[in-house]
Every structure is written in C-alpha cells, then in structure tokens.
C-alpha atoms as a PDB file:
ATOM      1  CA  MET A   1      -9.826   2.082   7.975  1.00  0.00           C
ATOM      2  CA  LEU A   2      -8.121   3.099  11.204  1.00  0.00           C
ATOM      3  CA  LEU A   3      -7.721  -0.443  12.354  1.00  0.00           C
ATOM      4  CA  LEU A   4      -6.459  -2.088   8.807  1.00  0.00           C
ATOM      5  CA  ALA A   5      -3.413   0.754   8.876  1.00  0.00           C
ATOM      6  CA  LEU A   6      -2.700  -0.135  12.752  1.00  0.00           C
ATOM      7  CA  ARG A   7      -1.838  -3.777  11.792  1.00  0.00           C
ATOM      8  CA  LYS A   8       0.070  -2.950   8.316  1.00  0.00           C
ATOM      9  CA  ARG A   9       2.041  -0.942  10.278  1.00  0.00           C
ATOM     10  CA  SER A  10       2.413  -3.679  13.350  1.00  0.00           C
ATOM     11  CA  ILE A  11       0.905  -2.166  15.863  1.00  0.00           C
ATOM     12  CA  VAL A  12      -0.400  -3.968  18.292  1.00  0.00           C
ATOM     13  CA  THR A  13      -4.130  -3.012  19.854  1.00  0.00           C
ATOM     14  CA  THR A  14      -5.794  -4.346  22.944  1.00  0.00           C
ATOM     15  CA  PRO A  15      -9.352  -5.543  22.655  1.00  0.00           C
ATOM     16  CA  ALA A  16      -9.585  -2.211  25.075  1.00  0.00           C
ATOM     17  CA  ASP A  17      -8.163  -0.378  21.917  1.00  0.00           C
ATOM     18  CA  ASP A  18     -10.186  -1.650  19.176  1.00  0.00           C
ATOM     19  CA  ALA A  19     -13.466  -1.416  21.228  1.00  0.00           C
ATOM     20  CA  ARG A  20     -12.378   2.460  21.880  1.00  0.00           C
ATOM     21  CA  ILE A  21     -12.258   2.791  17.995  1.00  0.00           C
ATOM     22  CA  ALA A  22     -15.329   1.299  17.660  1.00  0.00           C
ATOM     23  CA  ALA A  23     -17.155   3.535  19.616  1.00  0.00           C
ATOM     24  CA  CYS A  24     -15.675   6.546  17.904  1.00  0.00           C
ATOM     25  CA  THR A  25     -18.016   8.198  16.229  1.00  0.00           C
ATOM     26  CA  ASP A  26     -16.484  11.675  16.253  1.00  0.00           C
ATOM     27  CA  PRO A  27     -14.588  11.783  12.104  1.00  0.00           C
ATOM     28  CA  ALA A  28     -12.099  14.136  12.862  1.00  0.00           C
ATOM     29  CA  GLN A  29     -11.209  12.175  16.219  1.00  0.00           C
ATOM     30  CA  ILE A  30     -10.391   9.166  13.890  1.00  0.00           C
ATOM     31  CA  GLU A  31      -8.993  11.543  10.926  1.00  0.00           C
ATOM     32  CA  ARG A  32      -6.589  12.213  13.611  1.00  0.00           C
ATOM     33  CA  TRP A  33      -6.014   9.023  14.908  1.00  0.00           C
ATOM     34  CA  PHE A  34      -6.029   7.606  11.194  1.00  0.00           C
ATOM     35  CA  ASP A  35      -3.049  10.633  10.604  1.00  0.00           C
ATOM     36  CA  ARG A  36      -0.816   9.387  13.870  1.00  0.00           C
ATOM     37  CA  ALA A  37      -1.187   6.405  12.751  1.00  0.00           C
ATOM     38  CA  LEU A  38       0.766   6.610   9.696  1.00  0.00           C
ATOM     39  CA  THR A  39       4.145   7.353  11.554  1.00  0.00           C
ATOM     40  CA  ALA A  40       3.091   5.752  15.067  1.00  0.00           C
ATOM     41  CA  THR A  41       5.211   3.080  16.549  1.00  0.00           C
ATOM     42  CA  ARG A  42       2.885   2.369  19.412  1.00  0.00           C
ATOM     43  CA  ILE A  43      -0.739   2.579  19.989  1.00  0.00           C
ATOM     44  CA  ASP A  44       0.399   5.435  22.677  1.00  0.00           C
ATOM     45  CA  GLU A  45       1.391   7.472  19.819  1.00  0.00           C
ATOM     46  CA  VAL A  46      -1.961   6.950  18.398  1.00  0.00           C
ATOM     47  CA  PHE A  47      -3.973   8.386  21.292  1.00  0.00           C
ATOM     48  CA  ALA A  48      -1.675  11.119  22.762  1.00  0.00           C
ATOM     49  CA  GLU A  49      -3.231  14.217  22.606  1.00  0.00           C
ATOM     50  CA  PRO A  50      -1.038  17.215  22.674  1.00  0.00           C
END
C-alpha cells in the first residue's frame, strides 16, 4: 500500500527505494513511512528520520 500511495502522489522511487520498502519487516516503520507519504513531495521526505 505504501508503494501505491507513493505512486498515486507521483513520488518517484528508485529500485533501491522499492527494495528498501519491500525488505522492511517492521510494521511501525512502514506506518511511519506511509504517514509521511501522505504529505511528502519527495521520497527523501518519506525516509527522513527526525
């Protein structure tokens, strides 16, 4: 769903970004990325850690 949300928002991902998302097994991390994807304009904003 995260990749779908990114694509729907026209946020470009690289194969490395896709692999990073696919390899993540932490549901809390994926949820954080998803929440950021709702307002981000670039993939680096999604992956940014505070």
